[in-house]
Amino acid sequence: MRRRRDAGRFGLTGESYEALQTPPSGFGAVVALLLAITAAVAVAQVALSPPNKPVEVRFCNLTPAVLSNVVTHGWRLGDIAPGRCSALVKMNRGFSTMGFGATSQARRYEVWPEDHVGDRVLAEGRYTFLIETTQDGLTSVLMNE
């Protein structure tokens, strides 16, 4: 059994130092392999994902009431009167379903997709989402591309 001279300075005995130098085997090797595969898949997903294409979106209020404190994906759009639209906001990436939050007649509505699985990434351009009244509250629909 070889022992490095400085191993004792760090509280390592010959056996514990040797254990640190032993390559992983059994369960440890499987875990190390899984971590390496996970890292490789994550790098591949980032490298192969489509680039962010800037889009400009706005929301139009088709409800009979004023929508106050309208927000979408970190952007505050302010108040939107009936029949009016918000200003265009530039985003790094947009989806064919965009969530939003708004207050109408003292009630807060939050309409957010659970995820964007199966959703379309919007091509570069300007898009209008219509906010409409439903039986359950409010919804948004992509009007044009």
N, C-alpha and C. Protein backbone atom coordinates (compact mmCIF):
# COMPACT_ATOMS: atom_id res chain seq x y z
N MET A 1 0.84 -1.17 0.00
CA MET A 1 0.00 0.00 0.00
C MET A 1 0.89 1.24 0.00
N ARG A 2 0.67 2.11 -1.00
CA ARG A 2 1.45 3.34 -1.07
C ARG A 2 0.78 4.41 -0.25
N ARG A 3 1.60 5.29 0.28
CA ARG A 3 1.05 6.38 1.08
C ARG A 3 1.78 7.65 0.71
N ARG A 4 1.00 8.66 0.38
CA ARG A 4 1.61 9.95 0.06
C ARG A 4 2.04 10.61 1.34
N ARG A 5 3.12 11.36 1.26
CA ARG A 5 3.65 12.02 2.46
C ARG A 5 2.67 13.05 3.03
N ASP A 6 1.97 13.80 2.17
CA ASP A 6 1.10 14.86 2.68
C ASP A 6 -0.28 14.35 3.08
N ALA A 7 -0.59 13.09 2.86
CA ALA A 7 -1.92 12.58 3.19
C ALA A 7 -2.19 12.70 4.68
N GLY A 8 -1.20 12.50 5.52
CA GLY A 8 -1.37 12.59 6.96
C GLY A 8 -1.72 13.99 7.42
N ARG A 9 -1.24 15.00 6.70
CA ARG A 9 -1.54 16.39 7.08
C ARG A 9 -3.03 16.68 6.98
N PHE A 10 -3.72 15.99 6.15
CA PHE A 10 -5.15 16.25 5.96
C PHE A 10 -6.01 15.23 6.69
N GLY A 11 -5.41 14.48 7.60
CA GLY A 11 -6.17 13.52 8.40
C GLY A 11 -6.52 12.27 7.65
N LEU A 12 -5.82 11.98 6.57
CA LEU A 12 -6.12 10.79 5.79
C LEU A 12 -5.16 9.68 6.17
N THR A 13 -5.68 8.53 6.48
CA THR A 13 -4.83 7.38 6.73
C THR A 13 -4.55 6.72 5.39
N GLY A 14 -3.70 5.76 5.41
CA GLY A 14 -3.38 5.06 4.18
C GLY A 14 -4.60 4.44 3.53
N GLU A 15 -5.50 3.83 4.35
CA GLU A 15 -6.68 3.18 3.80
C GLU A 15 -7.68 4.19 3.26
N SER A 16 -7.94 5.28 4.00
CA SER A 16 -8.91 6.26 3.53
C SER A 16 -8.40 6.99 2.31
N TYR A 17 -7.09 7.25 2.25
CA TYR A 17 -6.52 7.90 1.07
C TYR A 17 -6.64 6.98 -0.13
N GLU A 18 -6.40 5.69 0.09
CA GLU A 18 -6.49 4.73 -1.00
C GLU A 18 -7.94 4.63 -1.48
N ALA A 19 -8.90 4.71 -0.58
CA ALA A 19 -10.31 4.64 -0.95
C ALA A 19 -10.69 5.82 -1.83
N LEU A 20 -10.12 6.98 -1.57
CA LEU A 20 -10.40 8.15 -2.41
C LEU A 20 -9.84 7.98 -3.80
N GLN A 21 -8.79 7.22 -3.96
CA GLN A 21 -8.14 7.04 -5.24
C GLN A 21 -8.74 5.89 -6.04
N THR A 22 -9.59 5.09 -5.43
CA THR A 22 -10.17 3.94 -6.10
C THR A 22 -11.28 4.40 -7.03
N PRO A 23 -11.28 3.94 -8.28
CA PRO A 23 -12.35 4.35 -9.19
C PRO A 23 -13.69 3.81 -8.70
N PRO A 24 -14.80 4.51 -9.00
CA PRO A 24 -16.11 4.07 -8.53
C PRO A 24 -16.48 2.72 -9.13
N SER A 25 -17.16 1.91 -8.36
CA SER A 25 -17.61 0.62 -8.85
C SER A 25 -19.02 0.37 -8.34
N GLY A 26 -19.72 -0.53 -8.98
CA GLY A 26 -21.07 -0.90 -8.55
C GLY A 26 -22.04 0.25 -8.66
N PHE A 27 -22.74 0.53 -7.57
CA PHE A 27 -23.77 1.56 -7.54
C PHE A 27 -23.20 2.94 -7.86
N GLY A 28 -22.01 3.24 -7.32
CA GLY A 28 -21.39 4.54 -7.58
C GLY A 28 -21.10 4.75 -9.06
N ALA A 29 -20.69 3.70 -9.75
CA ALA A 29 -20.41 3.80 -11.18
C ALA A 29 -21.69 4.07 -11.96
N VAL A 30 -22.77 3.43 -11.56
CA VAL A 30 -24.06 3.64 -12.23
C VAL A 30 -24.53 5.08 -12.04
N VAL A 31 -24.41 5.59 -10.82
CA VAL A 31 -24.81 6.97 -10.54
C VAL A 31 -23.95 7.94 -11.35
N ALA A 32 -22.64 7.71 -11.39
CA ALA A 32 -21.75 8.58 -12.16
C ALA A 32 -22.11 8.55 -13.64
N LEU A 33 -22.43 7.38 -14.17
CA LEU A 33 -22.81 7.25 -15.58
C LEU A 33 -24.12 7.98 -15.85
N LEU A 34 -25.10 7.83 -14.96
CA LEU A 34 -26.38 8.53 -15.14
C LEU A 34 -26.21 10.04 -15.09
N LEU A 35 -25.38 10.53 -14.20
CA LEU A 35 -25.12 11.97 -14.14
C LEU A 35 -24.47 12.47 -15.42
N ALA A 36 -23.53 11.69 -15.95
CA ALA A 36 -22.86 12.08 -17.19
C ALA A 36 -23.85 12.10 -18.36
N ILE A 37 -24.73 11.12 -18.42
CA ILE A 37 -25.73 11.07 -19.50
C ILE A 37 -26.71 12.24 -19.36
N THR A 38 -27.15 12.53 -18.15
CA THR A 38 -28.07 13.65 -17.92
C THR A 38 -27.44 14.96 -18.34
N ALA A 39 -26.18 15.16 -18.00
CA ALA A 39 -25.48 16.39 -18.40
C ALA A 39 -25.37 16.48 -19.92
N ALA A 40 -25.08 15.37 -20.57
CA ALA A 40 -24.95 15.37 -22.04
C ALA A 40 -26.28 15.68 -22.70
N VAL A 41 -27.37 15.13 -22.18
CA VAL A 41 -28.70 15.40 -22.75
C VAL A 41 -29.07 16.87 -22.55
N ALA A 42 -28.78 17.43 -21.39
CA ALA A 42 -29.09 18.84 -21.13
C ALA A 42 -28.32 19.75 -22.09
N VAL A 43 -27.05 19.46 -22.31
CA VAL A 43 -26.25 20.25 -23.24
C VAL A 43 -26.79 20.12 -24.65
N ALA A 44 -27.20 18.92 -25.05
CA ALA A 44 -27.74 18.71 -26.39
C ALA A 44 -29.05 19.45 -26.58
N GLN A 45 -29.91 19.48 -25.55
CA GLN A 45 -31.18 20.20 -25.67
C GLN A 45 -30.97 21.68 -25.85
N VAL A 46 -30.03 22.24 -25.12
CA VAL A 46 -29.74 23.68 -25.25
C VAL A 46 -29.17 23.95 -26.63
N ALA A 47 -28.26 23.09 -27.09
CA ALA A 47 -27.61 23.31 -28.38
C ALA A 47 -28.58 23.15 -29.54
N LEU A 48 -29.55 22.25 -29.42
CA LEU A 48 -30.46 21.97 -30.52
C LEU A 48 -31.77 22.72 -30.45
N SER A 49 -32.04 23.45 -29.35
CA SER A 49 -33.30 24.18 -29.23
C SER A 49 -33.31 25.34 -30.22
N PRO A 50 -34.50 25.67 -30.74
CA PRO A 50 -34.55 26.77 -31.69
C PRO A 50 -34.15 28.08 -31.02
N PRO A 51 -33.50 28.95 -31.78
CA PRO A 51 -33.07 30.22 -31.19
C PRO A 51 -34.28 31.09 -30.84
N ASN A 52 -34.09 31.95 -29.85
CA ASN A 52 -35.14 32.89 -29.49
C ASN A 52 -35.35 33.85 -30.64
N LYS A 53 -36.60 34.00 -31.05
CA LYS A 53 -36.93 34.95 -32.10
C LYS A 53 -37.80 36.02 -31.47
N PRO A 54 -37.35 37.27 -31.51
CA PRO A 54 -38.15 38.32 -30.86
C PRO A 54 -39.51 38.48 -31.52
N VAL A 55 -40.51 38.61 -30.68
CA VAL A 55 -41.87 38.83 -31.15
C VAL A 55 -42.43 40.03 -30.42
N GLU A 56 -43.42 40.68 -31.03
CA GLU A 56 -44.14 41.76 -30.39
C GLU A 56 -45.58 41.30 -30.23
N VAL A 57 -46.10 41.41 -29.00
CA VAL A 57 -47.47 40.98 -28.74
C VAL A 57 -48.25 42.10 -28.08
N ARG A 58 -49.55 42.05 -28.29
CA ARG A 58 -50.46 42.96 -27.60
C ARG A 58 -51.73 42.19 -27.30
N PHE A 59 -52.48 42.70 -26.34
CA PHE A 59 -53.75 42.10 -25.96
C PHE A 59 -54.86 43.10 -26.21
N CYS A 60 -55.97 42.63 -26.80
CA CYS A 60 -57.14 43.47 -27.04
C CYS A 60 -58.30 42.99 -26.16
N ASN A 61 -59.00 43.95 -25.58
CA ASN A 61 -60.09 43.66 -24.66
C ASN A 61 -61.41 43.60 -25.41
N LEU A 62 -61.99 42.40 -25.55
CA LEU A 62 -63.29 42.24 -26.19
C LEU A 62 -64.41 42.06 -25.17
N THR A 63 -64.10 42.29 -23.90
CA THR A 63 -65.12 42.17 -22.85
C THR A 63 -65.85 43.51 -22.70
N PRO A 64 -67.00 43.52 -22.04
CA PRO A 64 -67.72 44.78 -21.86
C PRO A 64 -67.18 45.63 -20.70
N ALA A 65 -66.17 45.15 -19.98
CA ALA A 65 -65.66 45.88 -18.81
C ALA A 65 -64.19 46.24 -19.00
N VAL A 66 -63.74 47.24 -18.24
CA VAL A 66 -62.34 47.63 -18.25
C VAL A 66 -61.51 46.52 -17.59
N LEU A 67 -60.39 46.16 -18.19
CA LEU A 67 -59.45 45.21 -17.58
C LEU A 67 -58.32 46.03 -16.97
N SER A 68 -58.12 45.88 -15.67
CA SER A 68 -57.11 46.66 -14.95
C SER A 68 -55.90 45.79 -14.62
N ASN A 69 -54.77 46.44 -14.50
CA ASN A 69 -53.52 45.77 -14.09
C ASN A 69 -53.26 44.51 -14.90
N VAL A 70 -53.32 44.61 -16.21
CA VAL A 70 -53.09 43.46 -17.08
C VAL A 70 -51.59 43.18 -17.14
N VAL A 71 -51.21 41.92 -16.93
CA VAL A 71 -49.81 41.50 -17.00
C VAL A 71 -49.70 40.25 -17.86
N THR A 72 -48.55 40.10 -18.51
CA THR A 72 -48.26 38.88 -19.27
C THR A 72 -46.78 38.62 -19.24
N HIS A 73 -46.39 37.48 -18.76
CA HIS A 73 -44.99 37.01 -18.77
C HIS A 73 -43.99 38.10 -18.36
N GLY A 74 -44.26 38.75 -17.25
CA GLY A 74 -43.34 39.75 -16.72
C GLY A 74 -43.56 41.16 -17.23
N TRP A 75 -44.47 41.35 -18.14
CA TRP A 75 -44.75 42.68 -18.68
C TRP A 75 -46.05 43.21 -18.09
N ARG A 76 -46.02 44.46 -17.65
CA ARG A 76 -47.23 45.13 -17.17
C ARG A 76 -47.82 45.94 -18.31
N LEU A 77 -49.02 45.58 -18.69
CA LEU A 77 -49.67 46.24 -19.82
C LEU A 77 -50.61 47.35 -19.39
N GLY A 78 -50.84 47.48 -18.09
CA GLY A 78 -51.70 48.54 -17.59
C GLY A 78 -53.17 48.19 -17.72
N ASP A 79 -53.99 49.21 -17.93
CA ASP A 79 -55.43 49.03 -18.05
C ASP A 79 -55.80 49.01 -19.53
N ILE A 80 -56.78 48.18 -19.87
CA ILE A 80 -57.25 48.11 -21.26
C ILE A 80 -58.76 48.30 -21.24
N ALA A 81 -59.24 49.36 -21.89
CA ALA A 81 -60.67 49.66 -21.96
C ALA A 81 -61.35 48.70 -22.94
N PRO A 82 -62.68 48.54 -22.82
CA PRO A 82 -63.40 47.68 -23.77
C PRO A 82 -63.19 48.15 -25.20
N GLY A 83 -62.92 47.21 -26.08
CA GLY A 83 -62.71 47.53 -27.49
C GLY A 83 -61.35 48.12 -27.81
N ARG A 84 -60.47 48.22 -26.84
CA ARG A 84 -59.13 48.80 -27.04
C ARG A 84 -58.06 47.72 -26.89
N CYS A 85 -56.84 48.08 -27.31
CA CYS A 85 -55.71 47.15 -27.23
C CYS A 85 -54.57 47.76 -26.43
N SER A 86 -53.75 46.92 -25.85
CA SER A 86 -52.56 47.38 -25.15
C SER A 86 -51.50 47.78 -26.18
N ALA A 87 -50.46 48.41 -25.71
CA ALA A 87 -49.32 48.70 -26.58
C ALA A 87 -48.60 47.40 -26.89
N LEU A 88 -47.87 47.38 -27.99
CA LEU A 88 -47.06 46.21 -28.32
C LEU A 88 -45.88 46.11 -27.36
N VAL A 89 -45.58 44.91 -26.90
CA VAL A 89 -44.40 44.69 -26.07
C VAL A 89 -43.52 43.67 -26.76
N LYS A 90 -42.21 43.91 -26.75
CA LYS A 90 -41.26 43.01 -27.40
C LYS A 90 -40.80 41.96 -26.40
N MET A 91 -40.89 40.71 -26.82
CA MET A 91 -40.46 39.58 -25.99
C MET A 91 -39.43 38.76 -26.75
N ASN A 92 -38.58 38.06 -26.00
CA ASN A 92 -37.58 37.21 -26.64
C ASN A 92 -38.19 36.00 -27.32
N ARG A 93 -39.28 35.50 -26.78
CA ARG A 93 -39.93 34.32 -27.34
C ARG A 93 -41.41 34.38 -27.00
N GLY A 94 -42.24 34.00 -27.94
CA GLY A 94 -43.68 33.97 -27.72
C GLY A 94 -44.25 32.62 -28.11
N PHE A 95 -45.38 32.29 -27.53
CA PHE A 95 -46.04 31.02 -27.81
C PHE A 95 -47.45 31.29 -28.32
N SER A 96 -48.04 30.28 -28.99
CA SER A 96 -49.38 30.47 -29.54
C SER A 96 -50.44 30.56 -28.45
N THR A 97 -50.12 30.15 -27.23
CA THR A 97 -50.99 30.41 -26.09
C THR A 97 -50.19 31.24 -25.10
N MET A 98 -50.66 32.44 -24.83
CA MET A 98 -49.96 33.34 -23.90
C MET A 98 -50.86 33.55 -22.69
N GLY A 99 -50.28 33.39 -21.53
CA GLY A 99 -51.04 33.61 -20.31
C GLY A 99 -51.11 35.09 -19.97
N PHE A 100 -52.06 35.42 -19.09
CA PHE A 100 -52.19 36.81 -18.65
C PHE A 100 -52.94 36.84 -17.32
N GLY A 101 -52.84 37.95 -16.66
CA GLY A 101 -53.60 38.21 -15.44
C GLY A 101 -54.26 39.57 -15.59
N ALA A 102 -55.47 39.72 -15.07
CA ALA A 102 -56.18 41.00 -15.16
C ALA A 102 -57.24 41.08 -14.07
N THR A 103 -57.55 42.31 -13.70
CA THR A 103 -58.63 42.56 -12.75
C THR A 103 -59.80 43.17 -13.51
N SER A 104 -60.99 42.63 -13.27
CA SER A 104 -62.19 43.16 -13.91
C SER A 104 -63.32 43.15 -12.88
N GLN A 105 -63.93 44.30 -12.67
CA GLN A 105 -65.05 44.45 -11.74
C GLN A 105 -64.69 43.87 -10.37
N ALA A 106 -63.54 44.28 -9.85
CA ALA A 106 -63.03 43.93 -8.52
C ALA A 106 -62.71 42.44 -8.35
N ARG A 107 -62.58 41.71 -9.44
CA ARG A 107 -62.23 40.30 -9.38
C ARG A 107 -60.96 40.05 -10.20
N ARG A 108 -59.99 39.34 -9.62
CA ARG A 108 -58.72 39.06 -10.31
C ARG A 108 -58.84 37.75 -11.08
N TYR A 109 -58.45 37.79 -12.35
CA TYR A 109 -58.44 36.61 -13.21
C TYR A 109 -57.00 36.28 -13.56
N GLU A 110 -56.65 35.02 -13.48
CA GLU A 110 -55.32 34.54 -13.86
C GLU A 110 -55.52 33.43 -14.88
N VAL A 111 -55.02 33.64 -16.08
CA VAL A 111 -55.16 32.65 -17.15
C VAL A 111 -53.75 32.31 -17.63
N TRP A 112 -53.19 31.21 -17.11
CA TRP A 112 -51.81 30.82 -17.44
C TRP A 112 -51.80 29.36 -17.87
N PRO A 113 -51.16 29.04 -19.00
CA PRO A 113 -51.04 27.63 -19.37
C PRO A 113 -50.15 26.90 -18.36
N GLU A 114 -50.46 25.62 -18.11
CA GLU A 114 -49.64 24.85 -17.18
C GLU A 114 -48.22 24.68 -17.71
N ASP A 115 -48.10 24.50 -19.01
CA ASP A 115 -46.79 24.41 -19.65
C ASP A 115 -46.99 24.69 -21.14
N HIS A 116 -45.91 24.65 -21.89
CA HIS A 116 -46.00 24.92 -23.33
C HIS A 116 -45.74 23.65 -24.14
N VAL A 117 -45.98 22.48 -23.54
CA VAL A 117 -45.80 21.22 -24.25
C VAL A 117 -46.82 21.16 -25.37
N GLY A 118 -46.37 20.89 -26.58
CA GLY A 118 -47.25 20.83 -27.73
C GLY A 118 -47.62 22.19 -28.28
N ASP A 119 -47.15 23.25 -27.65
CA ASP A 119 -47.44 24.61 -28.09
C ASP A 119 -46.47 25.00 -29.19
N ARG A 120 -46.86 25.96 -29.98
CA ARG A 120 -46.02 26.46 -31.06
C ARG A 120 -45.25 27.69 -30.62
N VAL A 121 -43.94 27.72 -30.93
CA VAL A 121 -43.15 28.93 -30.73
C VAL A 121 -43.48 29.85 -31.89
N LEU A 122 -43.80 31.09 -31.60
CA LEU A 122 -44.18 32.03 -32.65
C LEU A 122 -42.96 32.47 -33.45
N ALA A 123 -43.14 32.59 -34.75
CA ALA A 123 -42.09 33.13 -35.61
C ALA A 123 -41.96 34.62 -35.34
N GLU A 124 -40.86 35.18 -35.73
CA GLU A 124 -40.64 36.61 -35.53
C GLU A 124 -41.77 37.40 -36.18
N GLY A 125 -42.31 38.39 -35.46
CA GLY A 125 -43.40 39.19 -36.01
C GLY A 125 -44.24 39.82 -34.91
N ARG A 126 -45.40 40.36 -35.32
CA ARG A 126 -46.34 41.00 -34.40
C ARG A 126 -47.59 40.15 -34.28
N TYR A 127 -48.09 40.03 -33.04
CA TYR A 127 -49.24 39.17 -32.77
C TYR A 127 -50.23 39.89 -31.85
N THR A 128 -51.51 39.61 -32.07
CA THR A 128 -52.58 40.17 -31.25
C THR A 128 -53.34 39.03 -30.61
N PHE A 129 -53.51 39.11 -29.30
CA PHE A 129 -54.32 38.15 -28.55
C PHE A 129 -55.59 38.84 -28.11
N LEU A 130 -56.73 38.20 -28.34
CA LEU A 130 -58.02 38.75 -27.97
C LEU A 130 -58.43 38.20 -26.62
N ILE A 131 -58.78 39.08 -25.69
CA ILE A 131 -59.28 38.65 -24.39
C ILE A 131 -60.80 38.67 -24.46
N GLU A 132 -61.38 37.50 -24.25
CA GLU A 132 -62.82 37.34 -24.37
C GLU A 132 -63.41 36.82 -23.07
N THR A 133 -64.71 37.03 -22.91
CA THR A 133 -65.44 36.52 -21.75
C THR A 133 -65.92 35.11 -22.04
N THR A 134 -65.79 34.22 -21.04
CA THR A 134 -66.32 32.87 -21.15
C THR A 134 -67.23 32.63 -19.94
N GLN A 135 -67.87 31.48 -19.87
CA GLN A 135 -68.70 31.15 -18.71
C GLN A 135 -67.86 31.07 -17.44
N ASP A 136 -66.60 30.65 -17.59
CA ASP A 136 -65.73 30.47 -16.42
C ASP A 136 -64.92 31.72 -16.10
N GLY A 137 -64.95 32.72 -16.92
CA GLY A 137 -64.16 33.93 -16.66
C GLY A 137 -63.66 34.55 -17.94
N LEU A 138 -62.33 34.56 -18.11
CA LEU A 138 -61.72 35.17 -19.28
C LEU A 138 -60.82 34.16 -20.00
N THR A 139 -60.59 34.37 -21.26
CA THR A 139 -59.65 33.57 -22.04
C THR A 139 -58.98 34.45 -23.07
N SER A 140 -57.85 33.98 -23.61
CA SER A 140 -57.20 34.73 -24.68
C SER A 140 -57.06 33.83 -25.90
N VAL A 141 -57.25 34.43 -27.07
CA VAL A 141 -57.19 33.71 -28.32
C VAL A 141 -56.24 34.47 -29.26
N LEU A 142 -55.34 33.73 -29.90
CA LEU A 142 -54.44 34.35 -30.88
C LEU A 142 -55.24 34.73 -32.11
N MET A 143 -55.22 36.04 -32.46
CA MET A 143 -56.03 36.51 -33.57
C MET A 143 -55.32 36.42 -34.90
N ASN A 144 -54.10 36.90 -34.96
CA ASN A 144 -53.43 36.95 -36.25
C ASN A 144 -51.96 36.60 -36.12
N GLU A 145 -51.38 36.25 -37.24
CA GLU A 145 -49.95 35.96 -37.29
C GLU A 145 -49.34 36.77 -38.39
